[in-house]
Amino acid sequence: MELSVTSRERGDFTVVEVSGEVDVYTAAVLREKLADLIDAEHTDIIVDLTGVGFLDSTGLGVLVGALKKIRGFGGRLQLVIDQEKVLKVFRITALTQVFTIHPAIEDALAG
């Protein structure tokens, strides 16, 4: 399955919309998009994963790497997840304690 990654500005935030499956074959697309945004000094990023049906450990690694890079610039990376099967991956790995996760984009935009 293909992965679609787009971004847009919403106020002070850059929203990265991801749809498809984030796995070992597609994670590079997300990694490159996030790296490009961070390099362009977008340091308040919301990654909208509501369109993601599957996320594996490679995808988690991409998000953790981006979080570390953004924090190095004093920024924040928030996630929007509304599917239990994707959220479960974050719970199992205890990454719910590392990431700020919201159930809807409006919640993330509210801060």
C-alpha atoms as a PDB file:
ATOM      1  CA  MET A   1       0.000   0.000   0.000  1.00  0.00           C
ATOM      2  CA  GLU A   2       1.154   3.518  -0.691  1.00  0.00           C
ATOM      3  CA  LEU A   3       1.744   6.206   1.855  1.00  0.00           C
ATOM      4  CA  SER A   4       0.563   9.775   1.358  1.00  0.00           C
ATOM      5  CA  VAL A   5       2.217  12.551   3.367  1.00  0.00           C
ATOM      6  CA  THR A   6       1.150  16.165   2.940  1.00  0.00           C
ATOM      7  CA  SER A   7       1.601  19.263   5.064  1.00  0.00           C
ATOM      8  CA  ARG A   8      -0.174  22.564   5.541  1.00  0.00           C
ATOM      9  CA  GLU A   9       0.014  25.505   7.873  1.00  0.00           C
ATOM     10  CA  ARG A  10      -2.697  25.960  10.513  1.00  0.00           C
ATOM     11  CA  GLY A  11      -1.969  29.045  12.571  1.00  0.00           C
ATOM     12  CA  ASP A  12       1.325  28.544  14.397  1.00  0.00           C
ATOM     13  CA  PHE A  13       1.354  24.836  13.582  1.00  0.00           C
ATOM     14  CA  THR A  14       2.486  22.755  10.646  1.00  0.00           C
ATOM     15  CA  VAL A  15       0.054  19.872  10.236  1.00  0.00           C
ATOM     16  CA  VAL A  16       1.439  16.763   8.554  1.00  0.00           C
ATOM     17  CA  GLU A  17      -1.367  14.536   7.294  1.00  0.00           C
ATOM     18  CA  VAL A  18      -0.416  10.908   6.856  1.00  0.00           C
ATOM     19  CA  SER A  19      -2.578   8.269   5.207  1.00  0.00           C
ATOM     20  CA  GLY A  20      -1.902   4.665   4.302  1.00  0.00           C
ATOM     21  CA  GLU A  21       0.417   2.221   6.021  1.00  0.00           C
ATOM     22  CA  VAL A  22       3.627   3.309   7.721  1.00  0.00           C
ATOM     23  CA  ASP A  23       5.975   0.342   7.574  1.00  0.00           C
ATOM     24  CA  VAL A  24       9.505  -0.645   6.630  1.00  0.00           C
ATOM     25  CA  TYR A  25       8.740   0.015   2.952  1.00  0.00           C
ATOM     26  CA  THR A  26       7.055   3.419   3.301  1.00  0.00           C
ATOM     27  CA  ALA A  27       8.544   4.992   6.444  1.00  0.00           C
ATOM     28  CA  ALA A  28      11.260   6.790   4.458  1.00  0.00           C
ATOM     29  CA  VAL A  29       8.591   9.007   2.868  1.00  0.00           C
ATOM     30  CA  LEU A  30       7.457  10.200   6.300  1.00  0.00           C
ATOM     31  CA  ARG A  31      11.047  10.520   7.556  1.00  0.00           C
ATOM     32  CA  GLU A  32      12.033  12.733   4.615  1.00  0.00           C
ATOM     33  CA  LYS A  33       8.956  14.969   4.937  1.00  0.00           C
ATOM     34  CA  LEU A  34       9.497  15.517   8.666  1.00  0.00           C
ATOM     35  CA  ALA A  35      13.234  16.111   8.211  1.00  0.00           C
ATOM     36  CA  ASP A  36      12.586  18.667   5.450  1.00  0.00           C
ATOM     37  CA  LEU A  37      10.076  20.538   7.622  1.00  0.00           C
ATOM     38  CA  ILE A  38      12.352  20.566  10.664  1.00  0.00           C
ATOM     39  CA  ASP A  39      15.315  21.690   8.547  1.00  0.00           C
ATOM     40  CA  ALA A  40      13.112  24.547   7.268  1.00  0.00           C
ATOM     41  CA  GLU A  41      12.585  25.563  10.924  1.00  0.00           C
ATOM     42  CA  HIS A  42       9.046  24.269  11.309  1.00  0.00           C
ATOM     43  CA  THR A  43       9.339  23.311  14.968  1.00  0.00           C
ATOM     44  CA  ASP A  44       5.708  23.093  16.069  1.00  0.00           C
ATOM     45  CA  ILE A  45       4.434  20.077  14.174  1.00  0.00           C
ATOM     46  CA  ILE A  46       1.248  18.056  14.498  1.00  0.00           C
ATOM     47  CA  VAL A  47       1.350  14.656  12.791  1.00  0.00           C
ATOM     48  CA  ASP A  48      -2.197  13.610  11.929  1.00  0.00           C
ATOM     49  CA  LEU A  49      -2.266   9.811  11.859  1.00  0.00           C
ATOM     50  CA  THR A  50      -6.051   9.473  11.578  1.00  0.00           C
ATOM     51  CA  GLY A  51      -5.644   8.186   8.010  1.00  0.00           C
ATOM     52  CA  VAL A  52      -3.113   5.518   9.010  1.00  0.00           C
ATOM     53  CA  GLY A  53      -4.378   1.949   9.151  1.00  0.00           C
ATOM     54  CA  PHE A  54      -1.092   0.329  10.165  1.00  0.00           C
ATOM     55  CA  LEU A  55       2.090   1.527  11.873  1.00  0.00           C
ATOM     56  CA  ASP A  56       5.066  -0.739  12.585  1.00  0.00           C
ATOM     57  CA  SER A  57       8.270  -0.292  14.581  1.00  0.00           C
ATOM     58  CA  THR A  58       9.968   1.442  11.653  1.00  0.00           C
ATOM     59  CA  GLY A  59       7.236   4.092  11.686  1.00  0.00           C
ATOM     60  CA  LEU A  60       7.624   4.470  15.442  1.00  0.00           C
ATOM     61  CA  GLY A  61      11.345   4.973  14.951  1.00  0.00           C
ATOM     62  CA  VAL A  62      10.725   7.746  12.432  1.00  0.00           C
ATOM     63  CA  LEU A  63       8.415   9.563  14.864  1.00  0.00           C
ATOM     64  CA  VAL A  64      10.817   9.153  17.799  1.00  0.00           C
ATOM     65  CA  GLY A  65      13.703  10.464  15.673  1.00  0.00           C
ATOM     66  CA  ALA A  66      11.671  13.483  14.587  1.00  0.00           C
ATOM     67  CA  LEU A  67      10.641  14.156  18.190  1.00  0.00           C
ATOM     68  CA  LYS A  68      14.283  14.163  19.334  1.00  0.00           C
ATOM     69  CA  LYS A  69      15.304  16.468  16.504  1.00  0.00           C
ATOM     70  CA  ILE A  70      12.434  18.910  17.166  1.00  0.00           C
ATOM     71  CA  ARG A  71      13.136  18.987  20.899  1.00  0.00           C
ATOM     72  CA  GLY A  72      16.735  19.889  20.075  1.00  0.00           C
ATOM     73  CA  PHE A  73      15.349  23.067  18.486  1.00  0.00           C
ATOM     74  CA  GLY A  74      13.021  23.736  21.429  1.00  0.00           C
ATOM     75  CA  GLY A  75       9.922  22.740  19.449  1.00  0.00           C
ATOM     76  CA  ARG A  76       7.120  20.253  19.919  1.00  0.00           C
ATOM     77  CA  LEU A  77       5.750  17.326  18.004  1.00  0.00           C
ATOM     78  CA  GLN A  78       2.171  16.259  18.734  1.00  0.00           C
ATOM     79  CA  LEU A  79       0.286  13.288  17.335  1.00  0.00           C
ATOM     80  CA  VAL A  80      -3.379  12.859  16.420  1.00  0.00           C
ATOM     81  CA  ILE A  81      -4.553   9.252  16.628  1.00  0.00           C
ATOM     82  CA  ASP A  82      -8.182   8.183  16.572  1.00  0.00           C
ATOM     83  CA  GLN A  83      -7.833   4.446  15.903  1.00  0.00           C
ATOM     84  CA  GLU A  84      -7.355   2.007  18.740  1.00  0.00           C
ATOM     85  CA  LYS A  85      -5.165  -0.341  16.688  1.00  0.00           C
ATOM     86  CA  VAL A  86      -2.636   2.435  16.047  1.00  0.00           C
ATOM     87  CA  LEU A  87      -2.836   3.827  19.580  1.00  0.00           C
ATOM     88  CA  LYS A  88      -2.240   0.329  20.957  1.00  0.00           C
ATOM     89  CA  VAL A  89       1.247   0.314  19.402  1.00  0.00           C
ATOM     90  CA  PHE A  90       2.093   3.446  21.388  1.00  0.00           C
ATOM     91  CA  ARG A  91       0.656   1.962  24.595  1.00  0.00           C
ATOM     92  CA  ILE A  92       2.553  -1.327  24.253  1.00  0.00           C
ATOM     93  CA  THR A  93       5.835   0.511  23.749  1.00  0.00           C
ATOM     94  CA  ALA A  94       5.059   3.055  26.520  1.00  0.00           C
ATOM     95  CA  LEU A  95       5.433   5.868  23.980  1.00  0.00           C
ATOM     96  CA  THR A  96       2.181   7.371  25.252  1.00  0.00           C
ATOM     97  CA  GLN A  97       4.399   8.738  28.025  1.00  0.00           C
ATOM     98  CA  VAL A  98       6.780  10.314  25.503  1.00  0.00           C
ATOM     99  CA  PHE A  99       4.416  11.787  22.904  1.00  0.00           C
ATOM    100  CA  THR A 100       1.531  14.192  23.361  1.00  0.00           C
ATOM    101  CA  ILE A 101      -1.343  12.329  21.704  1.00  0.00           C
ATOM    102  CA  HIS A 102      -4.741  13.821  20.888  1.00  0.00           C
ATOM    103  CA  PRO A 103      -7.907  12.118  19.574  1.00  0.00           C
ATOM    104  CA  ALA A 104      -8.722  14.941  17.094  1.00  0.00           C
ATOM    105  CA  ILE A 105      -6.865  17.648  15.190  1.00  0.00           C
ATOM    106  CA  GLU A 106      -8.875  20.377  16.920  1.00  0.00           C
ATOM    107  CA  ASP A 107      -7.564  19.184  20.298  1.00  0.00           C
ATOM    108  CA  ALA A 108      -3.974  19.378  19.071  1.00  0.00           C
ATOM    109  CA  LEU A 109      -4.481  22.852  17.594  1.00  0.00           C
ATOM    110  CA  ALA A 110      -5.922  24.032  20.923  1.00  0.00           C
ATOM    111  CA  GLY A 111      -2.627  23.109  22.497  1.00  0.00           C
END
